[in-house]
C-alpha cells in the first residue's frame, strides 16, 4: 500500500492519520481471535491439497494435475504445510 500523504482511507471510507491507524490496529488486534489470516489460509490450503491427494490415491502427479499446478510445486507445498500420508 503506497501512502504518500501519510493518510490512509479505510475500507468503510474514513480517513486517518498514519500513526493513529497503527495504534488502532494494535488495539483492535488485542481483542481479536488468535487465528491469523495466514493460519486460516494455510488450513484451507492444507484441506484443499489433502482432498486432491486422497482423490488421486496419493498420486502427487495426478493431484497436481487436478489442482492445476506443477508437481514440484505441489511437493513444496506438501512439505511447507506439513502434510503426510497416514498409514
C-alpha atoms as a PDB file:
ATOM      1  CA  UNK A   1       0.000   0.000   0.000  1.00  0.00           C
ATOM      2  CA  UNK A   2       1.500   3.331  -1.005  1.00  0.00           C
ATOM      3  CA  UNK A   3       0.871   6.170   1.418  1.00  0.00           C
ATOM      4  CA  UNK A   4       2.284   9.456   0.225  1.00  0.00           C
ATOM      5  CA  UNK A   5       0.343  11.991   2.246  1.00  0.00           C
ATOM      6  CA  UNK A   6       0.528   9.977   5.490  1.00  0.00           C
ATOM      7  CA  UNK A   7      -3.191   9.281   5.499  1.00  0.00           C
ATOM      8  CA  UNK A   8      -4.994   6.055   4.765  1.00  0.00           C
ATOM      9  CA  UNK A   9      -8.557   5.542   3.616  1.00  0.00           C
ATOM     10  CA  UNK A  10     -10.084   2.590   5.428  1.00  0.00           C
ATOM     11  CA  UNK A  11     -12.495   0.123   3.844  1.00  0.00           C
ATOM     12  CA  UNK A  12     -15.533   1.993   5.178  1.00  0.00           C
ATOM     13  CA  UNK A  13     -14.296   5.348   3.867  1.00  0.00           C
ATOM     14  CA  UNK A  14     -12.928   7.058   6.971  1.00  0.00           C
ATOM     15  CA  UNK A  15      -9.534   8.700   6.677  1.00  0.00           C
ATOM     16  CA  UNK A  16      -6.971   8.502   9.458  1.00  0.00           C
ATOM     17  CA  UNK A  17      -3.505   9.793  10.020  1.00  0.00           C
ATOM     18  CA  UNK A  18      -0.921   7.052   9.543  1.00  0.00           C
ATOM     19  CA  UNK A  19       0.154   6.969  13.206  1.00  0.00           C
ATOM     20  CA  UNK A  20      -3.383   6.573  14.507  1.00  0.00           C
ATOM     21  CA  UNK A  21      -4.046   3.709  12.120  1.00  0.00           C
ATOM     22  CA  UNK A  22      -1.112   1.749  13.532  1.00  0.00           C
ATOM     23  CA  UNK A  23      -2.256   2.423  17.098  1.00  0.00           C
ATOM     24  CA  UNK A  24      -5.837   1.462  16.280  1.00  0.00           C
ATOM     25  CA  UNK A  25      -4.770  -1.720  14.506  1.00  0.00           C
ATOM     26  CA  UNK A  26      -2.713  -2.782  17.508  1.00  0.00           C
ATOM     27  CA  UNK A  27      -5.552  -2.222  19.963  1.00  0.00           C
ATOM     28  CA  UNK A  28      -8.114  -3.955  17.738  1.00  0.00           C
ATOM     29  CA  UNK A  29      -5.879  -6.994  17.284  1.00  0.00           C
ATOM     30  CA  UNK A  30      -5.525  -7.395  21.073  1.00  0.00           C
ATOM     31  CA  UNK A  31      -9.189  -8.372  21.327  1.00  0.00           C
ATOM     32  CA  UNK A  32      -9.279 -10.326  18.050  1.00  0.00           C
ATOM     33  CA  UNK A  33      -9.120 -14.118  17.950  1.00  0.00           C
ATOM     34  CA  UNK A  34      -5.600 -15.518  17.795  1.00  0.00           C
ATOM     35  CA  UNK A  35      -6.157 -17.217  14.434  1.00  0.00           C
ATOM     36  CA  UNK A  36      -4.447 -15.121  11.800  1.00  0.00           C
ATOM     37  CA  UNK A  37      -5.283 -14.775   8.150  1.00  0.00           C
ATOM     38  CA  UNK A  38      -2.114 -16.725   7.358  1.00  0.00           C
ATOM     39  CA  UNK A  39      -3.186 -19.589   9.630  1.00  0.00           C
ATOM     40  CA  UNK A  40      -6.664 -19.662   8.100  1.00  0.00           C
ATOM     41  CA  UNK A  41      -5.216 -19.644   4.592  1.00  0.00           C
ATOM     42  CA  UNK A  42      -2.755 -22.436   5.413  1.00  0.00           C
ATOM     43  CA  UNK A  43      -5.547 -24.508   6.949  1.00  0.00           C
ATOM     44  CA  UNK A  44      -7.768 -24.071   3.886  1.00  0.00           C
ATOM     45  CA  UNK A  45      -4.874 -24.832   1.537  1.00  0.00           C
ATOM     46  CA  UNK A  46      -3.959 -27.928   3.572  1.00  0.00           C
ATOM     47  CA  UNK A  47      -7.533 -29.260   3.345  1.00  0.00           C
ATOM     48  CA  UNK A  48      -7.726 -28.493  -0.387  1.00  0.00           C
ATOM     49  CA  UNK A  49      -4.457 -30.319  -1.107  1.00  0.00           C
ATOM     50  CA  UNK A  50      -5.367 -33.258   1.154  1.00  0.00           C
ATOM     51  CA  UNK A  51      -8.671 -33.691  -0.669  1.00  0.00           C
ATOM     52  CA  UNK A  52      -6.902 -33.701  -4.051  1.00  0.00           C
ATOM     53  CA  UNK A  53      -4.293 -36.197  -2.807  1.00  0.00           C
ATOM     54  CA  UNK A  54      -6.966 -38.518  -1.421  1.00  0.00           C
ATOM     55  CA  UNK A  55      -8.977 -38.336  -4.660  1.00  0.00           C
ATOM     56  CA  UNK A  56      -5.786 -39.192  -6.599  1.00  0.00           C
ATOM     57  CA  UNK A  57      -4.993 -42.043  -4.174  1.00  0.00           C
ATOM     58  CA  UNK A  58      -1.920 -40.065  -3.030  1.00  0.00           C
ATOM     59  CA  UNK A  59      -0.515 -39.897  -6.551  1.00  0.00           C
ATOM     60  CA  UNK A  60       1.192 -36.500  -6.417  1.00  0.00           C
ATOM     61  CA  UNK A  61       1.330 -36.121 -10.213  1.00  0.00           C
ATOM     62  CA  UNK A  62      -2.397 -36.788 -10.504  1.00  0.00           C
ATOM     63  CA  UNK A  63      -3.228 -34.449  -7.642  1.00  0.00           C
ATOM     64  CA  UNK A  64      -1.048 -31.719  -9.163  1.00  0.00           C
ATOM     65  CA  UNK A  65      -2.868 -32.057 -12.494  1.00  0.00           C
ATOM     66  CA  UNK A  66      -6.243 -31.841 -10.723  1.00  0.00           C
ATOM     67  CA  UNK A  67      -5.078 -28.738  -8.840  1.00  0.00           C
ATOM     68  CA  UNK A  68      -3.626 -27.139 -11.976  1.00  0.00           C
ATOM     69  CA  UNK A  69      -0.107 -26.832 -10.603  1.00  0.00           C
ATOM     70  CA  UNK A  70       3.338 -28.262 -11.243  1.00  0.00           C
ATOM     71  CA  UNK A  71       4.193 -31.479  -9.402  1.00  0.00           C
ATOM     72  CA  UNK A  72       7.365 -29.940  -7.946  1.00  0.00           C
ATOM     73  CA  UNK A  73       5.382 -27.001  -6.563  1.00  0.00           C
ATOM     74  CA  UNK A  74       2.868 -29.384  -5.016  1.00  0.00           C
ATOM     75  CA  UNK A  75       5.732 -31.267  -3.348  1.00  0.00           C
ATOM     76  CA  UNK A  76       6.983 -27.936  -1.922  1.00  0.00           C
ATOM     77  CA  UNK A  77       3.517 -27.039  -0.593  1.00  0.00           C
ATOM     78  CA  UNK A  78       3.113 -30.518   0.930  1.00  0.00           C
ATOM     79  CA  UNK A  79       6.397 -30.092   2.813  1.00  0.00           C
ATOM     80  CA  UNK A  80       5.674 -26.486   3.811  1.00  0.00           C
ATOM     81  CA  UNK A  81       2.224 -27.384   5.156  1.00  0.00           C
ATOM     82  CA  UNK A  82       3.459 -30.499   6.952  1.00  0.00           C
ATOM     83  CA  UNK A  83       1.153 -32.846   5.070  1.00  0.00           C
ATOM     84  CA  UNK A  84       1.907 -36.534   5.390  1.00  0.00           C
ATOM     85  CA  UNK A  85       0.108 -39.702   4.469  1.00  0.00           C
ATOM     86  CA  UNK A  86      -1.312 -41.529   7.453  1.00  0.00           C
ATOM     87  CA  UNK A  87      -0.591 -45.246   7.338  1.00  0.00           C
END
